[in-house]
Amino acid sequence: MATFSYLRVSTLEQNTEKNKLDILTFANNKKLGNVEFIEEQISGKANYRKRLLGALLEKMQTGDVLIVPELSRIARSITQIFEVIEIVKNKGIILYSLKENFCSNDKSITSTVATTIFALVAQIERDLISLRTKEALQAKKQSGVKLGRPRGKGKSKLDEHKDDILKLIELHVPKTLVAKQYGTTVTNLYNYLKRCQNEGKA
């Protein structure tokens, strides 16, 4: 068994020393042995497969352990985060995320999958929104470009979350929970999903 920790920093967050200390303390308490840190400075917008994380997941073996300080360090897309969780489960890797107190090997997750997924999504989305806001404000300060874009006719506020919504529906998360997460009604969500389906057939 080998234990790794993946630490990604953006241009806004340079210091990983506290994360390292927290991870080493956690690994020591869990008796996980020596930790090999994999660090890189890159935007979370880059696909995880094109980052050091992708190479790390490729080489890790069944029984290995991967520790991250929080799930939003894996990627800025909930869809990609779920992909990584699926990969580690399929390969028999144990993933720990300290902030969410998450363990991919926790048997209780299986029996409460919908509730657990939604709880994770809610927490991750809050973290991602905060990070995106900071980066957007930084970009605005540097370039003077206005944030956001006007919604034209036929646009929905759910469009920017389309991939994440469809992924949650695919995972059978209750539509009432998905609607609540994205600030809409169940009726509007049904209409939006119907529209997406019709667009897919076009």
N, C-alpha and C. Protein backbone atom coordinates (compact mmCIF):
# COMPACT_ATOMS: atom_id res chain seq x y z
N MET A 1 0.83 -1.20 0.00
CA MET A 1 0.00 0.00 0.00
C MET A 1 0.87 1.25 0.00
N ALA A 2 0.56 2.19 -0.88
CA ALA A 2 1.26 3.47 -0.94
C ALA A 2 0.26 4.58 -0.65
N THR A 3 0.72 5.62 -0.01
CA THR A 3 -0.14 6.75 0.34
C THR A 3 0.34 8.01 -0.36
N PHE A 4 -0.56 8.65 -1.09
CA PHE A 4 -0.24 9.87 -1.83
C PHE A 4 -1.16 10.99 -1.38
N SER A 5 -0.69 12.21 -1.58
CA SER A 5 -1.54 13.37 -1.34
C SER A 5 -1.39 14.31 -2.54
N TYR A 6 -2.52 14.72 -3.09
CA TYR A 6 -2.49 15.65 -4.22
C TYR A 6 -2.84 17.04 -3.74
N LEU A 7 -1.94 18.00 -4.02
CA LEU A 7 -2.15 19.38 -3.61
C LEU A 7 -2.04 20.28 -4.84
N ARG A 8 -3.16 20.92 -5.19
CA ARG A 8 -3.16 21.85 -6.31
C ARG A 8 -3.37 23.26 -5.79
N VAL A 9 -2.56 24.19 -6.26
CA VAL A 9 -2.73 25.59 -5.90
C VAL A 9 -2.93 26.40 -7.16
N SER A 10 -3.76 27.44 -7.06
CA SER A 10 -3.93 28.39 -8.15
C SER A 10 -3.06 29.60 -7.87
N THR A 11 -3.13 30.58 -8.73
CA THR A 11 -2.33 31.78 -8.53
C THR A 11 -2.80 32.57 -7.32
N LEU A 12 -4.02 32.23 -6.82
CA LEU A 12 -4.56 32.95 -5.66
C LEU A 12 -4.20 32.28 -4.34
N GLU A 13 -3.77 31.03 -4.42
CA GLU A 13 -3.50 30.28 -3.19
C GLU A 13 -2.14 29.59 -3.33
N GLN A 14 -1.15 30.13 -2.66
CA GLN A 14 0.21 29.65 -2.85
C GLN A 14 0.72 28.76 -1.72
N ASN A 15 0.19 28.93 -0.53
CA ASN A 15 0.74 28.26 0.64
C ASN A 15 0.06 26.92 0.90
N THR A 16 0.83 25.84 0.89
CA THR A 16 0.27 24.51 1.15
C THR A 16 0.78 23.92 2.47
N GLU A 17 1.53 24.70 3.22
CA GLU A 17 2.15 24.14 4.43
C GLU A 17 1.12 23.67 5.45
N LYS A 18 0.05 24.44 5.64
CA LYS A 18 -0.98 24.02 6.60
C LYS A 18 -1.66 22.75 6.11
N ASN A 19 -1.93 22.67 4.79
CA ASN A 19 -2.54 21.46 4.23
C ASN A 19 -1.65 20.25 4.48
N LYS A 20 -0.36 20.42 4.26
CA LYS A 20 0.58 19.32 4.47
C LYS A 20 0.57 18.85 5.92
N LEU A 21 0.56 19.80 6.84
CA LEU A 21 0.56 19.44 8.26
C LEU A 21 -0.72 18.69 8.62
N ASP A 22 -1.86 19.17 8.13
CA ASP A 22 -3.13 18.51 8.41
C ASP A 22 -3.15 17.09 7.84
N ILE A 23 -2.62 16.94 6.63
CA ILE A 23 -2.61 15.64 5.97
C ILE A 23 -1.67 14.67 6.68
N LEU A 24 -0.50 15.15 7.09
CA LEU A 24 0.44 14.29 7.80
C LEU A 24 -0.12 13.84 9.15
N THR A 25 -0.81 14.75 9.83
CA THR A 25 -1.45 14.41 11.11
C THR A 25 -2.53 13.35 10.89
N PHE A 26 -3.34 13.55 9.85
CA PHE A 26 -4.40 12.59 9.52
C PHE A 26 -3.82 11.22 9.19
N ALA A 27 -2.78 11.21 8.34
CA ALA A 27 -2.16 9.95 7.94
C ALA A 27 -1.54 9.23 9.13
N ASN A 28 -0.97 9.98 10.05
CA ASN A 28 -0.37 9.39 11.24
C ASN A 28 -1.44 8.77 12.13
N ASN A 29 -2.55 9.48 12.30
CA ASN A 29 -3.64 8.97 13.13
C ASN A 29 -4.25 7.71 12.54
N LYS A 30 -4.29 7.65 11.19
CA LYS A 30 -4.86 6.49 10.50
C LYS A 30 -3.84 5.38 10.25
N LYS A 31 -2.57 5.66 10.65
CA LYS A 31 -1.48 4.71 10.44
C LYS A 31 -1.36 4.32 8.96
N LEU A 32 -1.30 5.35 8.12
CA LEU A 32 -1.23 5.14 6.67
C LEU A 32 0.19 5.16 6.13
N GLY A 33 1.16 5.29 7.00
CA GLY A 33 2.55 5.26 6.57
C GLY A 33 3.01 6.59 6.00
N ASN A 34 4.14 6.55 5.27
CA ASN A 34 4.70 7.76 4.68
C ASN A 34 3.80 8.30 3.57
N VAL A 35 3.74 9.61 3.47
CA VAL A 35 2.90 10.26 2.46
C VAL A 35 3.80 10.88 1.39
N GLU A 36 3.51 10.55 0.13
CA GLU A 36 4.22 11.19 -0.99
C GLU A 36 3.33 12.31 -1.53
N PHE A 37 3.83 13.54 -1.46
CA PHE A 37 3.05 14.69 -1.90
C PHE A 37 3.27 14.95 -3.38
N ILE A 38 2.18 15.13 -4.10
CA ILE A 38 2.20 15.51 -5.50
C ILE A 38 1.62 16.92 -5.58
N GLU A 39 2.45 17.89 -5.95
CA GLU A 39 2.01 19.28 -5.95
C GLU A 39 2.13 19.89 -7.35
N GLU A 40 1.19 20.76 -7.67
CA GLU A 40 1.32 21.54 -8.91
C GLU A 40 0.54 22.84 -8.79
N GLN A 41 1.01 23.82 -9.52
CA GLN A 41 0.32 25.12 -9.56
C GLN A 41 -0.35 25.22 -10.92
N ILE A 42 -1.65 25.09 -10.93
CA ILE A 42 -2.40 25.09 -12.18
C ILE A 42 -3.86 25.39 -11.88
N SER A 43 -4.56 25.96 -12.81
CA SER A 43 -5.98 26.27 -12.62
C SER A 43 -6.79 24.98 -12.54
N GLY A 44 -7.79 25.00 -11.68
CA GLY A 44 -8.67 23.84 -11.56
C GLY A 44 -9.56 23.67 -12.78
N LYS A 45 -9.57 24.66 -13.68
CA LYS A 45 -10.36 24.55 -14.90
C LYS A 45 -9.76 23.53 -15.86
N ALA A 46 -8.45 23.27 -15.71
CA ALA A 46 -7.80 22.28 -16.57
C ALA A 46 -8.32 20.89 -16.21
N ASN A 47 -8.63 20.09 -17.21
CA ASN A 47 -9.14 18.74 -16.98
C ASN A 47 -8.15 17.95 -16.13
N TYR A 48 -8.67 17.22 -15.16
CA TYR A 48 -7.78 16.48 -14.25
C TYR A 48 -6.89 15.48 -14.99
N ARG A 49 -7.37 14.97 -16.13
CA ARG A 49 -6.58 14.00 -16.89
C ARG A 49 -5.31 14.62 -17.47
N LYS A 50 -5.34 15.94 -17.67
CA LYS A 50 -4.19 16.65 -18.24
C LYS A 50 -3.29 17.24 -17.17
N ARG A 51 -3.62 16.96 -15.92
CA ARG A 51 -2.81 17.43 -14.81
C ARG A 51 -2.05 16.27 -14.17
N LEU A 52 -1.23 16.58 -13.18
CA LEU A 52 -0.47 15.53 -12.48
C LEU A 52 -1.42 14.55 -11.80
N LEU A 53 -2.61 15.01 -11.47
CA LEU A 53 -3.59 14.13 -10.83
C LEU A 53 -3.94 12.97 -11.75
N GLY A 54 -4.10 13.23 -13.04
CA GLY A 54 -4.43 12.17 -13.99
C GLY A 54 -3.35 11.11 -14.05
N ALA A 55 -2.08 11.56 -14.09
CA ALA A 55 -0.95 10.62 -14.12
C ALA A 55 -0.87 9.83 -12.83
N LEU A 56 -1.17 10.51 -11.72
CA LEU A 56 -1.13 9.83 -10.42
C LEU A 56 -2.19 8.73 -10.35
N LEU A 57 -3.40 9.03 -10.79
CA LEU A 57 -4.48 8.04 -10.77
C LEU A 57 -4.14 6.85 -11.66
N GLU A 58 -3.44 7.10 -12.76
CA GLU A 58 -3.05 6.02 -13.67
C GLU A 58 -2.11 5.03 -13.00
N LYS A 59 -1.17 5.54 -12.20
CA LYS A 59 -0.14 4.65 -11.62
C LYS A 59 -0.55 4.02 -10.29
N MET A 60 -1.57 4.59 -9.64
CA MET A 60 -1.97 4.05 -8.34
C MET A 60 -2.60 2.67 -8.49
N GLN A 61 -2.39 1.84 -7.49
CA GLN A 61 -2.83 0.45 -7.51
C GLN A 61 -3.91 0.21 -6.45
N THR A 62 -4.55 -0.94 -6.57
CA THR A 62 -5.56 -1.35 -5.58
C THR A 62 -4.97 -1.32 -4.17
N GLY A 63 -5.68 -0.70 -3.25
CA GLY A 63 -5.22 -0.62 -1.86
C GLY A 63 -4.45 0.64 -1.55
N ASP A 64 -4.03 1.38 -2.59
CA ASP A 64 -3.34 2.65 -2.36
C ASP A 64 -4.30 3.67 -1.78
N VAL A 65 -3.74 4.70 -1.18
CA VAL A 65 -4.54 5.74 -0.53
C VAL A 65 -4.22 7.10 -1.15
N LEU A 66 -5.25 7.87 -1.41
CA LEU A 66 -5.09 9.24 -1.92
C LEU A 66 -5.78 10.19 -0.96
N ILE A 67 -5.05 11.20 -0.50
CA ILE A 67 -5.59 12.17 0.44
C ILE A 67 -5.57 13.55 -0.20
N VAL A 68 -6.70 14.24 -0.14
CA VAL A 68 -6.77 15.62 -0.61
C VAL A 68 -7.32 16.49 0.51
N PRO A 69 -6.92 17.76 0.58
CA PRO A 69 -7.44 18.61 1.66
C PRO A 69 -8.93 18.89 1.53
N GLU A 70 -9.44 18.96 0.28
CA GLU A 70 -10.87 19.14 0.03
C GLU A 70 -11.16 18.73 -1.40
N LEU A 71 -12.41 18.34 -1.66
CA LEU A 71 -12.76 17.82 -2.98
C LEU A 71 -12.65 18.86 -4.08
N SER A 72 -12.80 20.13 -3.75
CA SER A 72 -12.71 21.17 -4.78
C SER A 72 -11.29 21.32 -5.29
N ARG A 73 -10.30 20.72 -4.62
CA ARG A 73 -8.92 20.73 -5.12
C ARG A 73 -8.75 19.77 -6.29
N ILE A 74 -9.67 18.81 -6.41
CA ILE A 74 -9.59 17.84 -7.50
C ILE A 74 -9.91 18.53 -8.82
N ALA A 75 -10.98 19.33 -8.85
CA ALA A 75 -11.42 20.01 -10.07
C ALA A 75 -12.41 21.08 -9.71
N ARG A 76 -12.71 21.97 -10.69
CA ARG A 76 -13.72 22.99 -10.50
C ARG A 76 -15.06 22.55 -11.04
N SER A 77 -15.12 21.34 -11.57
CA SER A 77 -16.37 20.81 -12.12
C SER A 77 -16.84 19.65 -11.26
N ILE A 78 -18.09 19.69 -10.83
CA ILE A 78 -18.64 18.60 -10.03
C ILE A 78 -18.62 17.30 -10.82
N THR A 79 -18.86 17.42 -12.13
CA THR A 79 -18.84 16.24 -12.99
C THR A 79 -17.49 15.55 -12.94
N GLN A 80 -16.41 16.33 -13.04
CA GLN A 80 -15.07 15.75 -12.99
C GLN A 80 -14.76 15.16 -11.62
N ILE A 81 -15.24 15.82 -10.57
CA ILE A 81 -15.02 15.29 -9.22
C ILE A 81 -15.67 13.92 -9.08
N PHE A 82 -16.91 13.79 -9.59
CA PHE A 82 -17.59 12.49 -9.54
C PHE A 82 -16.84 11.45 -10.38
N GLU A 83 -16.26 11.87 -11.51
CA GLU A 83 -15.49 10.95 -12.34
C GLU A 83 -14.30 10.39 -11.55
N VAL A 84 -13.61 11.27 -10.83
CA VAL A 84 -12.46 10.83 -10.04
C VAL A 84 -12.91 9.87 -8.94
N ILE A 85 -14.02 10.19 -8.27
CA ILE A 85 -14.55 9.30 -7.23
C ILE A 85 -14.88 7.93 -7.82
N GLU A 86 -15.45 7.93 -9.03
CA GLU A 86 -15.78 6.67 -9.70
C GLU A 86 -14.52 5.88 -10.04
N ILE A 87 -13.48 6.58 -10.49
CA ILE A 87 -12.21 5.92 -10.84
C ILE A 87 -11.59 5.25 -9.62
N VAL A 88 -11.52 5.97 -8.51
CA VAL A 88 -10.87 5.39 -7.32
C VAL A 88 -11.66 4.19 -6.80
N LYS A 89 -12.99 4.27 -6.90
CA LYS A 89 -13.79 3.12 -6.44
C LYS A 89 -13.56 1.91 -7.33
N ASN A 90 -13.51 2.14 -8.65
CA ASN A 90 -13.31 1.03 -9.59
C ASN A 90 -11.93 0.41 -9.45
N LYS A 91 -10.93 1.22 -9.12
CA LYS A 91 -9.56 0.71 -9.00
C LYS A 91 -9.25 0.18 -7.60
N GLY A 92 -10.17 0.37 -6.67
CA GLY A 92 -9.92 -0.08 -5.30
C GLY A 92 -8.99 0.83 -4.53
N ILE A 93 -8.93 2.09 -4.94
CA ILE A 93 -8.13 3.10 -4.24
C ILE A 93 -9.02 3.74 -3.17
N ILE A 94 -8.43 4.07 -2.04
CA ILE A 94 -9.17 4.72 -0.98
C ILE A 94 -8.89 6.22 -1.03
N LEU A 95 -9.93 7.01 -1.24
CA LEU A 95 -9.81 8.46 -1.31
C LEU A 95 -10.34 9.09 -0.02
N TYR A 96 -9.51 9.92 0.58
CA TYR A 96 -9.93 10.68 1.75
C TYR A 96 -9.92 12.17 1.39
N SER A 97 -10.97 12.89 1.79
CA SER A 97 -10.98 14.34 1.69
C SER A 97 -11.23 14.89 3.08
N LEU A 98 -10.28 15.67 3.58
CA LEU A 98 -10.32 16.08 4.98
C LEU A 98 -11.47 17.04 5.28
N LYS A 99 -11.67 18.03 4.44
CA LYS A 99 -12.67 19.06 4.74
C LYS A 99 -14.07 18.47 4.85
N GLU A 100 -14.42 17.58 3.91
CA GLU A 100 -15.76 17.00 3.90
C GLU A 100 -15.88 15.75 4.76
N ASN A 101 -14.76 15.33 5.39
CA ASN A 101 -14.74 14.09 6.16
C ASN A 101 -15.24 12.93 5.30
N PHE A 102 -14.76 12.90 4.06
CA PHE A 102 -15.23 11.93 3.08
C PHE A 102 -14.22 10.79 2.91
N CYS A 103 -14.75 9.58 2.83
CA CYS A 103 -13.93 8.40 2.53
C CYS A 103 -14.68 7.56 1.51
N SER A 104 -14.04 7.30 0.37
CA SER A 104 -14.70 6.55 -0.69
C SER A 104 -14.96 5.10 -0.30
N ASN A 105 -14.33 4.64 0.77
CA ASN A 105 -14.47 3.25 1.21
C ASN A 105 -15.48 3.10 2.33
N ASP A 106 -16.19 4.17 2.63
CA ASP A 106 -17.17 4.15 3.72
C ASP A 106 -18.41 3.37 3.28
N LYS A 107 -18.67 2.24 3.90
CA LYS A 107 -19.78 1.37 3.50
C LYS A 107 -21.14 2.05 3.68
N SER A 108 -21.22 3.01 4.59
CA SER A 108 -22.51 3.64 4.83
C SER A 108 -22.96 4.48 3.64
N ILE A 109 -22.00 4.87 2.79
CA ILE A 109 -22.33 5.68 1.62
C ILE A 109 -23.25 4.90 0.69
N THR A 110 -23.01 3.61 0.57
CA THR A 110 -23.80 2.79 -0.34
C THR A 110 -25.28 2.80 0.04
N SER A 111 -25.56 2.73 1.31
CA SER A 111 -26.96 2.64 1.75
C SER A 111 -27.68 3.98 1.73
N THR A 112 -26.93 5.09 1.65
CA THR A 112 -27.57 6.41 1.63
C THR A 112 -27.02 7.23 0.46
N VAL A 113 -26.90 6.60 -0.70
CA VAL A 113 -26.19 7.22 -1.81
C VAL A 113 -26.81 8.55 -2.23
N ALA A 114 -28.13 8.64 -2.36
CA ALA A 114 -28.74 9.88 -2.84
C ALA A 114 -28.48 11.03 -1.88
N THR A 115 -28.71 10.78 -0.58
CA THR A 115 -28.52 11.83 0.42
C THR A 115 -27.06 12.25 0.51
N THR A 116 -26.17 11.27 0.46
CA THR A 116 -24.74 11.56 0.56
C THR A 116 -24.26 12.37 -0.62
N ILE A 117 -24.67 11.96 -1.82
CA ILE A 117 -24.26 12.68 -3.01
C ILE A 117 -24.74 14.13 -2.94
N PHE A 118 -25.99 14.31 -2.54
CA PHE A 118 -26.52 15.67 -2.49
C PHE A 118 -25.76 16.51 -1.46
N ALA A 119 -25.46 15.93 -0.30
CA ALA A 119 -24.73 16.66 0.73
C ALA A 119 -23.36 17.08 0.21
N LEU A 120 -22.70 16.16 -0.49
CA LEU A 120 -21.39 16.48 -1.06
C LEU A 120 -21.50 17.57 -2.12
N VAL A 121 -22.52 17.43 -2.98
CA VAL A 121 -22.71 18.41 -4.03
C VAL A 121 -22.93 19.80 -3.45
N ALA A 122 -23.77 19.89 -2.42
CA ALA A 122 -24.06 21.17 -1.80
C ALA A 122 -22.79 21.82 -1.25
N GLN A 123 -21.97 21.04 -0.57
CA GLN A 123 -20.76 21.58 0.02
C GLN A 123 -19.74 21.95 -1.06
N ILE A 124 -19.58 21.06 -2.03
CA ILE A 124 -18.62 21.31 -3.10
C ILE A 124 -19.02 22.54 -3.89
N GLU A 125 -20.32 22.65 -4.20
CA GLU A 125 -20.79 23.78 -5.00
C GLU A 125 -20.53 25.10 -4.29
N ARG A 126 -20.71 25.13 -2.99
CA ARG A 126 -20.42 26.35 -2.24
C ARG A 126 -18.94 26.71 -2.35
N ASP A 127 -18.09 25.69 -2.24
CA ASP A 127 -16.65 25.94 -2.34
C ASP A 127 -16.27 26.42 -3.74
N LEU A 128 -16.86 25.79 -4.75
CA LEU A 128 -16.53 26.14 -6.13
C LEU A 128 -17.00 27.56 -6.45
N ILE A 129 -18.20 27.91 -6.00
CA ILE A 129 -18.72 29.25 -6.25
C ILE A 129 -17.80 30.30 -5.62
N SER A 130 -17.33 30.03 -4.41
CA SER A 130 -16.43 30.95 -3.73
C SER A 130 -15.13 31.12 -4.51
N LEU A 131 -14.57 30.00 -4.97
CA LEU A 131 -13.31 30.06 -5.71
C LEU A 131 -13.50 30.76 -7.06
N ARG A 132 -14.59 30.46 -7.75
CA ARG A 132 -14.85 31.10 -9.05
C ARG A 132 -15.03 32.61 -8.88
N THR A 133 -15.71 33.00 -7.80
CA THR A 133 -15.93 34.42 -7.56
C THR A 133 -14.62 35.15 -7.33
N LYS A 134 -13.74 34.55 -6.54
CA LYS A 134 -12.44 35.17 -6.27
C LYS A 134 -11.64 35.33 -7.56
N GLU A 135 -11.63 34.29 -8.37
CA GLU A 135 -10.86 34.35 -9.61
C GLU A 135 -11.47 35.35 -10.59
N ALA A 136 -12.81 35.42 -10.63
CA ALA A 136 -13.48 36.36 -11.53
C ALA A 136 -13.18 37.80 -11.12
N LEU A 137 -13.20 38.06 -9.82
CA LEU A 137 -12.89 39.40 -9.33
C LEU A 137 -11.45 39.77 -9.64
N GLN A 138 -10.55 38.80 -9.52
CA GLN A 138 -9.14 39.04 -9.82
C GLN A 138 -8.97 39.35 -11.31
N ALA A 139 -9.68 38.59 -12.14
CA ALA A 139 -9.59 38.81 -13.59
C ALA A 139 -10.15 40.18 -13.96
N LYS A 140 -11.25 40.56 -13.32
CA LYS A 140 -11.86 41.86 -13.59
C LYS A 140 -10.92 42.99 -13.21
N LYS A 141 -10.25 42.83 -12.07
CA LYS A 141 -9.33 43.85 -11.60
C LYS A 141 -8.17 44.02 -12.57
N GLN A 142 -7.70 42.89 -13.13
CA GLN A 142 -6.55 42.94 -14.02
C GLN A 142 -6.88 43.42 -15.43
N SER A 143 -8.06 43.05 -15.94
CA SER A 143 -8.39 43.36 -17.33
C SER A 143 -9.52 44.37 -17.53
N GLY A 144 -10.29 44.61 -16.49
CA GLY A 144 -11.40 45.54 -16.62
C GLY A 144 -12.61 44.97 -17.31
N VAL A 145 -12.60 43.67 -17.60
CA VAL A 145 -13.74 43.04 -18.27
C VAL A 145 -14.87 42.85 -17.25
N LYS A 146 -16.10 43.20 -17.66
CA LYS A 146 -17.24 43.05 -16.77
C LYS A 146 -17.56 41.57 -16.55
N LEU A 147 -17.96 41.26 -15.34
CA LEU A 147 -18.31 39.88 -15.01
C LEU A 147 -19.71 39.55 -15.49
N GLY A 148 -19.92 38.27 -15.77
CA GLY A 148 -21.25 37.81 -16.16
C GLY A 148 -21.55 38.10 -17.61
N ARG A 149 -22.71 37.59 -18.04
CA ARG A 149 -23.15 37.82 -19.42
C ARG A 149 -24.68 37.90 -19.42
N PRO A 150 -25.22 38.73 -20.27
CA PRO A 150 -26.69 38.84 -20.30
C PRO A 150 -27.31 37.58 -20.85
N ARG A 151 -28.48 37.23 -20.30
CA ARG A 151 -29.19 36.06 -20.81
C ARG A 151 -30.12 36.49 -21.93
N GLY A 152 -29.98 35.88 -23.07
CA GLY A 152 -30.82 36.19 -24.21
C GLY A 152 -32.11 35.39 -24.15
N LYS A 153 -32.95 35.60 -25.17
CA LYS A 153 -34.22 34.90 -25.25
C LYS A 153 -33.98 33.39 -25.29
N GLY A 154 -34.73 32.67 -24.49
CA GLY A 154 -34.62 31.22 -24.49
C GLY A 154 -33.56 30.69 -23.56
N LYS A 155 -32.79 31.61 -22.92
CA LYS A 155 -31.75 31.17 -22.00
C LYS A 155 -32.35 30.88 -20.63
N SER A 156 -31.71 29.98 -19.92
CA SER A 156 -32.16 29.64 -18.57
C SER A 156 -31.00 29.81 -17.60
N LYS A 157 -31.31 30.17 -16.36
CA LYS A 157 -30.26 30.30 -15.36
C LYS A 157 -29.64 28.94 -15.05
N LEU A 158 -30.32 27.87 -15.47
CA LEU A 158 -29.79 26.53 -15.23
C LEU A 158 -28.76 26.11 -16.28
N ASP A 159 -28.67 26.87 -17.38
CA ASP A 159 -27.76 26.48 -18.47
C ASP A 159 -26.32 26.32 -18.01
N GLU A 160 -25.86 27.23 -17.14
CA GLU A 160 -24.47 27.16 -16.71
C GLU A 160 -24.19 25.95 -15.82
N HIS A 161 -25.26 25.32 -15.31
CA HIS A 161 -25.10 24.14 -14.47
C HIS A 161 -25.56 22.87 -15.20
N LYS A 162 -25.76 22.96 -16.52
CA LYS A 162 -26.38 21.87 -17.27
C LYS A 162 -25.67 20.53 -17.06
N ASP A 163 -24.35 20.49 -17.24
CA ASP A 163 -23.61 19.22 -17.12
C ASP A 163 -23.77 18.62 -15.73
N ASP A 164 -23.70 19.47 -14.70
CA ASP A 164 -23.81 18.97 -13.32
C ASP A 164 -25.23 18.46 -13.04
N ILE A 165 -26.23 19.18 -13.55
CA ILE A 165 -27.63 18.76 -13.33
C ILE A 165 -27.89 17.42 -13.99
N LEU A 166 -27.45 17.27 -15.24
CA LEU A 166 -27.68 16.01 -15.96
C LEU A 166 -26.94 14.86 -15.30
N LYS A 167 -25.76 15.14 -14.74
CA LYS A 167 -25.00 14.09 -14.05
C LYS A 167 -25.74 13.64 -12.80
N LEU A 168 -26.29 14.58 -12.04
CA LEU A 168 -27.03 14.24 -10.83
C LEU A 168 -28.29 13.44 -11.16
N ILE A 169 -28.98 13.82 -12.24
CA ILE A 169 -30.16 13.07 -12.66
C ILE A 169 -29.76 11.66 -13.06
N GLU A 170 -28.62 11.54 -13.75
CA GLU A 170 -28.12 10.21 -14.15
C GLU A 170 -27.82 9.35 -12.93
N LEU A 171 -27.38 10.00 -11.84
CA LEU A 171 -27.06 9.28 -10.60
C LEU A 171 -28.30 9.06 -9.74
N HIS A 172 -29.48 9.42 -10.27
CA HIS A 172 -30.76 9.20 -9.60
C HIS A 172 -30.92 10.01 -8.32
N VAL A 173 -30.28 11.18 -8.26
CA VAL A 173 -30.53 12.08 -7.14
C VAL A 173 -31.96 12.63 -7.29
N PRO A 174 -32.77 12.60 -6.24
CA PRO A 174 -34.16 13.08 -6.35
C PRO A 174 -34.25 14.47 -6.95
N LYS A 175 -35.22 14.65 -7.85
CA LYS A 175 -35.37 15.94 -8.54
C LYS A 175 -35.71 17.06 -7.57
N THR A 176 -36.38 16.74 -6.48
CA THR A 176 -36.69 17.77 -5.48
C THR A 176 -35.40 18.34 -4.89
N LEU A 177 -34.41 17.48 -4.66
CA LEU A 177 -33.13 17.93 -4.11
C LEU A 177 -32.33 18.71 -5.14
N VAL A 178 -32.35 18.25 -6.39
CA VAL A 178 -31.62 18.95 -7.46
C VAL A 178 -32.22 20.35 -7.65
N ALA A 179 -33.55 20.44 -7.67
CA ALA A 179 -34.21 21.73 -7.84
C ALA A 179 -33.84 22.68 -6.71
N LYS A 180 -33.84 22.18 -5.49
CA LYS A 180 -33.49 23.01 -4.33
C LYS A 180 -32.06 23.48 -4.42
N GLN A 181 -31.15 22.60 -4.86
CA GLN A 181 -29.74 22.94 -4.95
C GLN A 181 -29.51 24.11 -5.91
N TYR A 182 -30.26 24.13 -7.01
CA TYR A 182 -30.01 25.15 -8.03
C TYR A 182 -31.08 26.25 -8.04
N GLY A 183 -31.81 26.38 -6.95
CA GLY A 183 -32.70 27.51 -6.75
C GLY A 183 -33.84 27.61 -7.73
N THR A 184 -34.45 26.48 -8.05
CA THR A 184 -35.58 26.48 -8.96
C THR A 184 -36.67 25.57 -8.42
N THR A 185 -37.80 25.52 -9.11
CA THR A 185 -38.89 24.64 -8.69
C THR A 185 -38.78 23.31 -9.41
N VAL A 186 -39.45 22.31 -8.87
CA VAL A 186 -39.43 20.99 -9.51
C VAL A 186 -40.07 21.07 -10.89
N THR A 187 -41.13 21.87 -11.02
CA THR A 187 -41.79 22.03 -12.33
C THR A 187 -40.84 22.63 -13.35
N ASN A 188 -40.10 23.68 -12.96
CA ASN A 188 -39.13 24.30 -13.87
C ASN A 188 -38.02 23.33 -14.23
N LEU A 189 -37.61 22.51 -13.26
CA LEU A 189 -36.57 21.53 -13.52
C LEU A 189 -37.05 20.51 -14.55
N TYR A 190 -38.27 20.02 -14.38
CA TYR A 190 -38.83 19.07 -15.34
C TYR A 190 -38.88 19.69 -16.74
N ASN A 191 -39.31 20.95 -16.82
CA ASN A 191 -39.38 21.63 -18.11
C ASN A 191 -37.99 21.80 -18.72
N TYR A 192 -37.02 22.10 -17.87
CA TYR A 192 -35.65 22.28 -18.36
C TYR A 192 -35.08 20.96 -18.89
N LEU A 193 -35.32 19.88 -18.15
CA LEU A 193 -34.84 18.56 -18.58
C LEU A 193 -35.51 18.15 -19.89
N LYS A 194 -36.79 18.49 -20.03
CA LYS A 194 -37.51 18.17 -21.26
C LYS A 194 -36.90 18.95 -22.42
N ARG A 195 -36.57 20.23 -22.18
CA ARG A 195 -35.95 21.04 -23.22
C ARG A 195 -34.59 20.48 -23.64
N CYS A 196 -33.81 20.06 -22.65
CA CYS A 196 -32.49 19.46 -22.93
C CYS A 196 -32.65 18.21 -23.77
N GLN A 197 -33.67 17.41 -23.43
CA GLN A 197 -33.92 16.18 -24.16
C GLN A 197 -34.29 16.48 -25.61
N ASN A 198 -35.13 17.49 -25.82
CA ASN A 198 -35.54 17.86 -27.17
C ASN A 198 -34.35 18.40 -27.98
N GLU A 199 -33.48 19.17 -27.31
CA GLU A 199 -32.30 19.70 -27.99
C GLU A 199 -31.37 18.58 -28.41
N GLY A 200 -31.31 17.53 -27.57
CA GLY A 200 -30.45 16.38 -27.89
C GLY A 200 -30.94 15.62 -29.10
N LYS A 201 -32.27 15.69 -29.34
CA LYS A 201 -32.85 14.98 -30.49
C LYS A 201 -32.77 15.79 -31.77
N ALA A 202 -32.49 17.11 -31.61
CA ALA A 202 -32.49 17.98 -32.77
C ALA A 202 -31.31 17.70 -33.69
